[in-house]
Amino acid sequence: MQWRYDVSGVDTVTLHFGERIDLSLVNPIQQAAQALRQELGTRLLDVVPSYTSIMLRYNLLKDDLASLMADVAPLLNNLSTTTSSQLTSNIIEIPVWYDSKVGPDLPRIAELAGITEQEVIELHSSQPYQVFAIGFAPGFAYLGEVPEQLAVARLATPRVKVPAGSLGIADTQTALYPLASPGGWNLIGRTPLTLFDPKREPASLLNAGQQVKFTPIDFAEYQALGGQLDE
């Protein structure tokens, strides 16, 4: 496994495995993060995997960078990674009501792509997506990559409030809003599921390294699963 590191803070170091978003990096990064947690244990206060990197935070009162990297280096260099084709992981299925009532940008995306709204729904829900990273808000999962026809730039002016559960597209990625918040993603639908609950363990339904598949549902199913319309 090829990698490099740089010091990113007084108590953090960032391990870099690539320079751009690449599906082939997802599994190696997740395996490396898991191995680091298992082997270094309490020496690491936090392990945060992302698109192309892993950030490690350590306890300055009990450890130092040289000693930490002396143990990190052989662990990573000897790690035998598994390719995505060799991995068998459960795909998390998420029901989504794709409709302009909760996905106001659905008609525009269809128009830009030169296809019908139903074809947008079929395309978007036709494949599994990798969870690249968690960020922006607790439980906000960046998923990729969407079919090329559906890639569309973020909104020029973000919405002041995007309802929790909203499903959006920005560039080549798609994401679900776990909490109500401002946002500039193009909205195409909504899930009735609770994506982030601090009282739940784990609090976030989605985590980096998982796979997600969206399942279209109708309004009756959306309501039956607890989904609501905007007030």
C-alpha atoms as a PDB file:
ATOM      1  CA  MET A   1       0.000   0.000   0.000  1.00  0.00           C
ATOM      2  CA  GLN A   2       1.446   3.350  -1.048  1.00  0.00           C
ATOM      3  CA  TRP A   3       1.023   6.174   1.405  1.00  0.00           C
ATOM      4  CA  ARG A   4       2.592   9.295   2.857  1.00  0.00           C
ATOM      5  CA  TYR A   5       1.871  11.459   5.866  1.00  0.00           C
ATOM      6  CA  ASP A   6       2.023  15.065   6.989  1.00  0.00           C
ATOM      7  CA  VAL A   7       1.553  16.799  10.313  1.00  0.00           C
ATOM      8  CA  SER A   8      -1.862  18.460  10.219  1.00  0.00           C
ATOM      9  CA  GLY A   9      -2.054  19.804  13.787  1.00  0.00           C
ATOM     10  CA  VAL A  10      -0.341  19.829  17.154  1.00  0.00           C
ATOM     11  CA  ASP A  11      -1.839  16.431  17.973  1.00  0.00           C
ATOM     12  CA  THR A  12      -2.898  15.146  14.544  1.00  0.00           C
ATOM     13  CA  VAL A  13      -1.248  13.485  11.582  1.00  0.00           C
ATOM     14  CA  THR A  14      -2.884  12.810   8.211  1.00  0.00           C
ATOM     15  CA  LEU A  15      -2.117   9.690   6.183  1.00  0.00           C
ATOM     16  CA  HIS A  16      -2.555  10.193   2.431  1.00  0.00           C
ATOM     17  CA  PHE A  17      -3.313   7.298   0.059  1.00  0.00           C
ATOM     18  CA  GLY A  18      -4.195   9.224  -3.103  1.00  0.00           C
ATOM     19  CA  GLU A  19      -4.817  12.661  -4.542  1.00  0.00           C
ATOM     20  CA  ARG A  20      -8.362  12.384  -5.908  1.00  0.00           C
ATOM     21  CA  ILE A  21     -11.642  10.577  -5.296  1.00  0.00           C
ATOM     22  CA  ASP A  22     -11.229   6.996  -6.453  1.00  0.00           C
ATOM     23  CA  LEU A  23     -13.505   4.041  -5.744  1.00  0.00           C
ATOM     24  CA  SER A  24     -10.473   1.755  -5.613  1.00  0.00           C
ATOM     25  CA  LEU A  25      -9.262   3.609  -2.495  1.00  0.00           C
ATOM     26  CA  VAL A  26     -12.406   3.082  -0.435  1.00  0.00           C
ATOM     27  CA  ASN A  27     -11.700  -0.456   0.775  1.00  0.00           C
ATOM     28  CA  PRO A  28      -7.934  -0.011   1.415  1.00  0.00           C
ATOM     29  CA  ILE A  29      -8.604   3.128   3.456  1.00  0.00           C
ATOM     30  CA  GLN A  30     -11.319   1.426   5.506  1.00  0.00           C
ATOM     31  CA  GLN A  31      -9.120  -1.613   6.123  1.00  0.00           C
ATOM     32  CA  ALA A  32      -6.231   0.613   7.169  1.00  0.00           C
ATOM     33  CA  ALA A  33      -8.485   2.567   9.554  1.00  0.00           C
ATOM     34  CA  GLN A  34      -9.786  -0.643  11.102  1.00  0.00           C
ATOM     35  CA  ALA A  35      -6.266  -2.046  11.521  1.00  0.00           C
ATOM     36  CA  LEU A  36      -5.043   1.177  13.128  1.00  0.00           C
ATOM     37  CA  ARG A  37      -7.907   1.140  15.630  1.00  0.00           C
ATOM     38  CA  GLN A  38      -7.290  -2.508  16.505  1.00  0.00           C
ATOM     39  CA  GLU A  39      -3.512  -2.363  16.783  1.00  0.00           C
ATOM     40  CA  LEU A  40      -2.989   1.055  18.341  1.00  0.00           C
ATOM     41  CA  GLY A  41      -6.112   1.104  20.511  1.00  0.00           C
ATOM     42  CA  THR A  42      -6.169   3.832  23.135  1.00  0.00           C
ATOM     43  CA  ARG A  43      -3.048   5.481  21.710  1.00  0.00           C
ATOM     44  CA  LEU A  44      -5.390   7.000  19.142  1.00  0.00           C
ATOM     45  CA  LEU A  45      -8.039   9.415  20.376  1.00  0.00           C
ATOM     46  CA  ASP A  46      -9.668   9.546  16.957  1.00  0.00           C
ATOM     47  CA  VAL A  47      -9.389   7.865  13.545  1.00  0.00           C
ATOM     48  CA  VAL A  48     -11.187   9.721  10.746  1.00  0.00           C
ATOM     49  CA  PRO A  49     -11.175   8.116   7.278  1.00  0.00           C
ATOM     50  CA  SER A  50     -12.074  10.279   4.287  1.00  0.00           C
ATOM     51  CA  TYR A  51     -11.950  10.204   0.469  1.00  0.00           C
ATOM     52  CA  THR A  52      -8.181   9.783   0.126  1.00  0.00           C
ATOM     53  CA  SER A  53      -6.845  10.018   3.660  1.00  0.00           C
ATOM     54  CA  ILE A  54      -7.072   9.065   7.321  1.00  0.00           C
ATOM     55  CA  MET A  55      -6.587  11.615  10.088  1.00  0.00           C
ATOM     56  CA  LEU A  56      -5.163  10.326  13.365  1.00  0.00           C
ATOM     57  CA  ARG A  57      -5.402  12.229  16.635  1.00  0.00           C
ATOM     58  CA  TYR A  58      -3.193  11.120  19.513  1.00  0.00           C
ATOM     59  CA  ASN A  59      -2.608  12.073  23.153  1.00  0.00           C
ATOM     60  CA  LEU A  60       0.344  14.474  23.369  1.00  0.00           C
ATOM     61  CA  LEU A  61       0.668  13.774  27.091  1.00  0.00           C
ATOM     62  CA  LYS A  62       1.262  10.063  26.515  1.00  0.00           C
ATOM     63  CA  ASP A  63       2.729   9.794  23.002  1.00  0.00           C
ATOM     64  CA  ASP A  64       4.850  11.578  20.424  1.00  0.00           C
ATOM     65  CA  LEU A  65       4.780  11.673  16.637  1.00  0.00           C
ATOM     66  CA  ALA A  66       8.034   9.761  16.099  1.00  0.00           C
ATOM     67  CA  SER A  67       6.971   6.863  18.316  1.00  0.00           C
ATOM     68  CA  LEU A  68       3.496   6.769  16.818  1.00  0.00           C
ATOM     69  CA  MET A  69       4.720   6.708  13.209  1.00  0.00           C
ATOM     70  CA  ALA A  70       7.317   4.069  14.081  1.00  0.00           C
ATOM     71  CA  ASP A  71       4.356   1.751  14.745  1.00  0.00           C
ATOM     72  CA  VAL A  72       2.036   3.079  12.041  1.00  0.00           C
ATOM     73  CA  ALA A  73       4.529   2.606   9.198  1.00  0.00           C
ATOM     74  CA  PRO A  74       5.090  -1.171   9.446  1.00  0.00           C
ATOM     75  CA  LEU A  75       1.388  -1.741  10.073  1.00  0.00           C
ATOM     76  CA  LEU A  76       0.440   0.005   6.823  1.00  0.00           C
ATOM     77  CA  ASN A  77       3.358  -1.371   4.839  1.00  0.00           C
ATOM     78  CA  ASN A  78       2.437  -4.937   5.753  1.00  0.00           C
ATOM     79  CA  LEU A  79      -1.307  -4.527   5.353  1.00  0.00           C
ATOM     80  CA  SER A  80      -2.747  -6.885   2.772  1.00  0.00           C
ATOM     81  CA  THR A  81      -5.683  -5.004   1.286  1.00  0.00           C
ATOM     82  CA  THR A  82      -8.733  -6.620  -0.211  1.00  0.00           C
ATOM     83  CA  THR A  83     -10.106  -5.435  -3.523  1.00  0.00           C
ATOM     84  CA  SER A  84     -13.738  -4.392  -3.768  1.00  0.00           C
ATOM     85  CA  SER A  85     -14.480  -7.460  -5.883  1.00  0.00           C
ATOM     86  CA  GLN A  86     -13.186  -9.701  -3.096  1.00  0.00           C
ATOM     87  CA  LEU A  87     -15.109  -7.977  -0.349  1.00  0.00           C
ATOM     88  CA  THR A  88     -18.596  -9.084   0.561  1.00  0.00           C
ATOM     89  CA  SER A  89     -20.372  -6.394   2.506  1.00  0.00           C
ATOM     90  CA  ASN A  90     -24.002  -5.873   3.320  1.00  0.00           C
ATOM     91  CA  ILE A  91     -25.671  -3.178   1.252  1.00  0.00           C
ATOM     92  CA  ILE A  92     -27.831  -0.828   3.296  1.00  0.00           C
ATOM     93  CA  GLU A  93     -31.149  -0.305   1.529  1.00  0.00           C
ATOM     94  CA  ILE A  94     -32.749   3.089   2.037  1.00  0.00           C
ATOM     95  CA  PRO A  95     -36.342   3.735   0.938  1.00  0.00           C
ATOM     96  CA  VAL A  96     -36.819   7.031  -0.887  1.00  0.00           C
ATOM     97  CA  TRP A  97     -39.924   8.808  -2.093  1.00  0.00           C
ATOM     98  CA  TYR A  98     -38.690  10.437  -5.287  1.00  0.00           C
ATOM     99  CA  ASP A  99     -41.144  13.250  -6.013  1.00  0.00           C
ATOM    100  CA  SER A 100     -41.050  16.982  -6.764  1.00  0.00           C
ATOM    101  CA  LYS A 101     -43.088  17.637  -3.593  1.00  0.00           C
ATOM    102  CA  VAL A 102     -40.033  16.679  -1.531  1.00  0.00           C
ATOM    103  CA  GLY A 103     -37.441  16.846  -4.308  1.00  0.00           C
ATOM    104  CA  PRO A 104     -38.053  20.201  -5.995  1.00  0.00           C
ATOM    105  CA  ASP A 105     -35.006  19.901  -8.265  1.00  0.00           C
ATOM    106  CA  LEU A 106     -36.108  16.591  -9.781  1.00  0.00           C
ATOM    107  CA  PRO A 107     -37.859  18.193 -12.805  1.00  0.00           C
ATOM    108  CA  ARG A 108     -34.872  20.421 -13.580  1.00  0.00           C
ATOM    109  CA  ILE A 109     -32.391  17.539 -13.425  1.00  0.00           C
ATOM    110  CA  ALA A 110     -34.608  15.575 -15.792  1.00  0.00           C
ATOM    111  CA  GLU A 111     -34.718  18.523 -18.181  1.00  0.00           C
ATOM    112  CA  LEU A 112     -30.947  19.016 -18.067  1.00  0.00           C
ATOM    113  CA  ALA A 113     -30.368  15.320 -18.722  1.00  0.00           C
ATOM    114  CA  GLY A 114     -32.934  15.230 -21.522  1.00  0.00           C
ATOM    115  CA  ILE A 115     -34.869  12.390 -19.902  1.00  0.00           C
ATOM    116  CA  THR A 116     -38.085  11.967 -17.943  1.00  0.00           C
ATOM    117  CA  GLU A 117     -38.374  12.268 -14.165  1.00  0.00           C
ATOM    118  CA  GLN A 118     -39.108   8.542 -13.979  1.00  0.00           C
ATOM    119  CA  GLU A 119     -35.890   7.829 -15.881  1.00  0.00           C
ATOM    120  CA  VAL A 120     -33.973   9.997 -13.404  1.00  0.00           C
ATOM    121  CA  ILE A 121     -35.431   7.918 -10.575  1.00  0.00           C
ATOM    122  CA  GLU A 122     -34.597   4.653 -12.324  1.00  0.00           C
ATOM    123  CA  LEU A 123     -31.033   5.777 -13.049  1.00  0.00           C
ATOM    124  CA  HIS A 124     -30.371   7.081  -9.562  1.00  0.00           C
ATOM    125  CA  SER A 125     -31.733   3.973  -7.854  1.00  0.00           C
ATOM    126  CA  SER A 126     -30.168   1.488 -10.291  1.00  0.00           C
ATOM    127  CA  GLN A 127     -26.814   1.104  -8.551  1.00  0.00           C
ATOM    128  CA  PRO A 128     -25.210   0.881  -5.116  1.00  0.00           C
ATOM    129  CA  TYR A 129     -23.175   3.821  -3.829  1.00  0.00           C
ATOM    130  CA  GLN A 130     -20.048   3.874  -1.663  1.00  0.00           C
ATOM    131  CA  VAL A 131     -19.961   6.013   1.461  1.00  0.00           C
ATOM    132  CA  PHE A 132     -16.777   7.986   0.891  1.00  0.00           C
ATOM    133  CA  ALA A 133     -16.808  10.104   4.016  1.00  0.00           C
ATOM    134  CA  ILE A 134     -18.912  11.581   6.820  1.00  0.00           C
ATOM    135  CA  GLY A 135     -18.847  15.340   7.265  1.00  0.00           C
ATOM    136  CA  PHE A 136     -20.545  18.743   7.026  1.00  0.00           C
ATOM    137  CA  ALA A 137     -23.062  17.668   9.690  1.00  0.00           C
ATOM    138  CA  PRO A 138     -23.304  14.646  12.036  1.00  0.00           C
ATOM    139  CA  GLY A 139     -24.186  11.612   9.939  1.00  0.00           C
ATOM    140  CA  PHE A 140     -23.991  13.455   6.592  1.00  0.00           C
ATOM    141  CA  ALA A 141     -22.653  10.793   4.219  1.00  0.00           C
ATOM    142  CA  TYR A 142     -21.005  11.649   0.908  1.00  0.00           C
ATOM    143  CA  LEU A 143     -21.918   8.925  -1.584  1.00  0.00           C
ATOM    144  CA  GLY A 144     -20.648   8.300  -5.084  1.00  0.00           C
ATOM    145  CA  GLU A 145     -20.646   8.287  -7.855  1.00  0.00           C
ATOM    146  CA  VAL A 146     -23.917   9.084  -9.617  1.00  0.00           C
ATOM    147  CA  PRO A 147     -24.504   8.095 -13.260  1.00  0.00           C
ATOM    148  CA  GLU A 148     -22.885  10.669 -15.546  1.00  0.00           C
ATOM    149  CA  GLN A 149     -26.240  11.909 -16.889  1.00  0.00           C
ATOM    150  CA  LEU A 150     -27.309  12.962 -13.391  1.00  0.00           C
ATOM    151  CA  ALA A 151     -24.203  14.927 -12.412  1.00  0.00           C
ATOM    152  CA  VAL A 152     -25.223  18.533 -11.812  1.00  0.00           C
ATOM    153  CA  ALA A 153     -23.541  21.479 -10.087  1.00  0.00           C
ATOM    154  CA  ARG A 154     -24.593  22.685  -6.647  1.00  0.00           C
ATOM    155  CA  LEU A 155     -27.215  25.389  -6.436  1.00  0.00           C
ATOM    156  CA  ALA A 156     -25.827  28.895  -6.971  1.00  0.00           C
ATOM    157  CA  THR A 157     -27.783  30.024  -3.893  1.00  0.00           C
ATOM    158  CA  PRO A 158     -28.124  27.422  -1.101  1.00  0.00           C
ATOM    159  CA  ARG A 159     -31.500  26.898   0.542  1.00  0.00           C
ATOM    160  CA  VAL A 160     -31.875  28.343   4.030  1.00  0.00           C
ATOM    161  CA  LYS A 161     -33.387  25.074   5.291  1.00  0.00           C
ATOM    162  CA  VAL A 162     -33.311  21.577   3.826  1.00  0.00           C
ATOM    163  CA  PRO A 163     -35.573  19.080   5.678  1.00  0.00           C
ATOM    164  CA  ALA A 164     -34.033  16.042   7.361  1.00  0.00           C
ATOM    165  CA  GLY A 165     -34.030  12.968   5.134  1.00  0.00           C
ATOM    166  CA  SER A 166     -33.746  14.948   1.894  1.00  0.00           C
ATOM    167  CA  LEU A 167     -31.815  13.247  -0.905  1.00  0.00           C
ATOM    168  CA  GLY A 168     -29.685  15.442  -3.130  1.00  0.00           C
ATOM    169  CA  ILE A 169     -27.099  15.487  -5.906  1.00  0.00           C
ATOM    170  CA  ALA A 170     -24.071  17.771  -6.203  1.00  0.00           C
ATOM    171  CA  ASP A 171     -21.597  17.235  -9.032  1.00  0.00           C
ATOM    172  CA  THR A 172     -20.855  13.492  -9.141  1.00  0.00           C
ATOM    173  CA  GLN A 173     -21.988  12.756  -5.592  1.00  0.00           C
ATOM    174  CA  THR A 174     -25.287  12.135  -3.860  1.00  0.00           C
ATOM    175  CA  ALA A 175     -26.166  12.538  -0.189  1.00  0.00           C
ATOM    176  CA  LEU A 176     -28.907  12.426   2.424  1.00  0.00           C
ATOM    177  CA  TYR A 177     -29.404  15.257   4.889  1.00  0.00           C
ATOM    178  CA  PRO A 178     -29.522  13.625   8.351  1.00  0.00           C
ATOM    179  CA  LEU A 179     -30.732  16.808  10.043  1.00  0.00           C
ATOM    180  CA  ALA A 180     -32.574  19.920   8.924  1.00  0.00           C
ATOM    181  CA  SER A 181     -29.930  22.414   7.828  1.00  0.00           C
ATOM    182  CA  PRO A 182     -28.989  24.920   5.130  1.00  0.00           C
ATOM    183  CA  GLY A 183     -27.780  23.266   1.939  1.00  0.00           C
ATOM    184  CA  GLY A 184     -27.037  23.698  -1.743  1.00  0.00           C
ATOM    185  CA  TRP A 185     -27.524  20.182  -3.089  1.00  0.00           C
ATOM    186  CA  ASN A 186     -30.134  19.523  -5.780  1.00  0.00           C
ATOM    187  CA  LEU A 187     -33.038  17.753  -4.042  1.00  0.00           C
ATOM    188  CA  ILE A 188     -34.719  14.798  -5.751  1.00  0.00           C
ATOM    189  CA  GLY A 189     -36.535  12.961  -2.943  1.00  0.00           C
ATOM    190  CA  ARG A 190     -36.675  12.111   0.744  1.00  0.00           C
ATOM    191  CA  THR A 191     -36.334   9.095   3.009  1.00  0.00           C
ATOM    192  CA  PRO A 192     -38.579   8.553   6.047  1.00  0.00           C
ATOM    193  CA  LEU A 193     -35.707   6.918   7.950  1.00  0.00           C
ATOM    194  CA  THR A 194     -33.953   8.607  10.877  1.00  0.00           C
ATOM    195  CA  LEU A 195     -30.392   8.984   9.658  1.00  0.00           C
ATOM    196  CA  PHE A 196     -28.862  10.382  12.838  1.00  0.00           C
ATOM    197  CA  ASP A 197     -30.017   9.841  16.403  1.00  0.00           C
ATOM    198  CA  PRO A 198     -27.627  10.683  19.283  1.00  0.00           C
ATOM    199  CA  LYS A 199     -29.562   8.273  21.521  1.00  0.00           C
ATOM    200  CA  ARG A 200     -28.909   5.369  19.133  1.00  0.00           C
ATOM    201  CA  GLU A 201     -25.759   3.240  18.966  1.00  0.00           C
ATOM    202  CA  PRO A 202     -24.280   3.916  16.528  1.00  0.00           C
ATOM    203  CA  ALA A 203     -25.848   7.346  16.226  1.00  0.00           C
ATOM    204  CA  SER A 204     -25.304   7.546  12.470  1.00  0.00           C
ATOM    205  CA  LEU A 205     -27.101   5.103  10.179  1.00  0.00           C
ATOM    206  CA  LEU A 206     -24.309   5.432   7.605  1.00  0.00           C
ATOM    207  CA  ASN A 207     -20.553   5.284   8.035  1.00  0.00           C
ATOM    208  CA  ALA A 208     -17.567   5.533   5.706  1.00  0.00           C
ATOM    209  CA  GLY A 209     -16.878   2.326   3.799  1.00  0.00           C
ATOM    210  CA  GLN A 210     -20.469   1.100   3.680  1.00  0.00           C
ATOM    211  CA  GLN A 211     -22.551   0.649   0.547  1.00  0.00           C
ATOM    212  CA  VAL A 212     -26.000   2.137   0.032  1.00  0.00           C
ATOM    213  CA  LYS A 213     -28.796   1.254  -2.376  1.00  0.00           C
ATOM    214  CA  PHE A 214     -31.842   3.494  -2.748  1.00  0.00           C
ATOM    215  CA  THR A 215     -35.259   1.856  -3.147  1.00  0.00           C
ATOM    216  CA  PRO A 216     -38.045   3.969  -4.676  1.00  0.00           C
ATOM    217  CA  ILE A 217     -41.304   3.965  -2.680  1.00  0.00           C
ATOM    218  CA  ASP A 218     -44.632   5.718  -3.190  1.00  0.00           C
ATOM    219  CA  PHE A 219     -46.252   8.311  -0.953  1.00  0.00           C
ATOM    220  CA  ALA A 220     -48.364   5.734   0.911  1.00  0.00           C
ATOM    221  CA  GLU A 221     -45.246   3.741   1.828  1.00  0.00           C
ATOM    222  CA  TYR A 222     -43.424   6.935   2.761  1.00  0.00           C
ATOM    223  CA  GLN A 223     -46.205   7.869   5.177  1.00  0.00           C
ATOM    224  CA  ALA A 224     -46.467   4.333   6.569  1.00  0.00           C
ATOM    225  CA  LEU A 225     -42.759   4.464   7.427  1.00  0.00           C
ATOM    226  CA  GLY A 226     -43.197   7.732   9.302  1.00  0.00           C
ATOM    227  CA  GLY A 227     -42.410  10.187   6.539  1.00  0.00           C
ATOM    228  CA  GLN A 228     -43.946  13.658   6.654  1.00  0.00           C
ATOM    229  CA  LEU A 229     -44.525  16.545   4.304  1.00  0.00           C
ATOM    230  CA  ASP A 230     -43.229  20.038   5.050  1.00  0.00           C
ATOM    231  CA  GLU A 231     -45.429  22.156   7.242  1.00  0.00           C
END
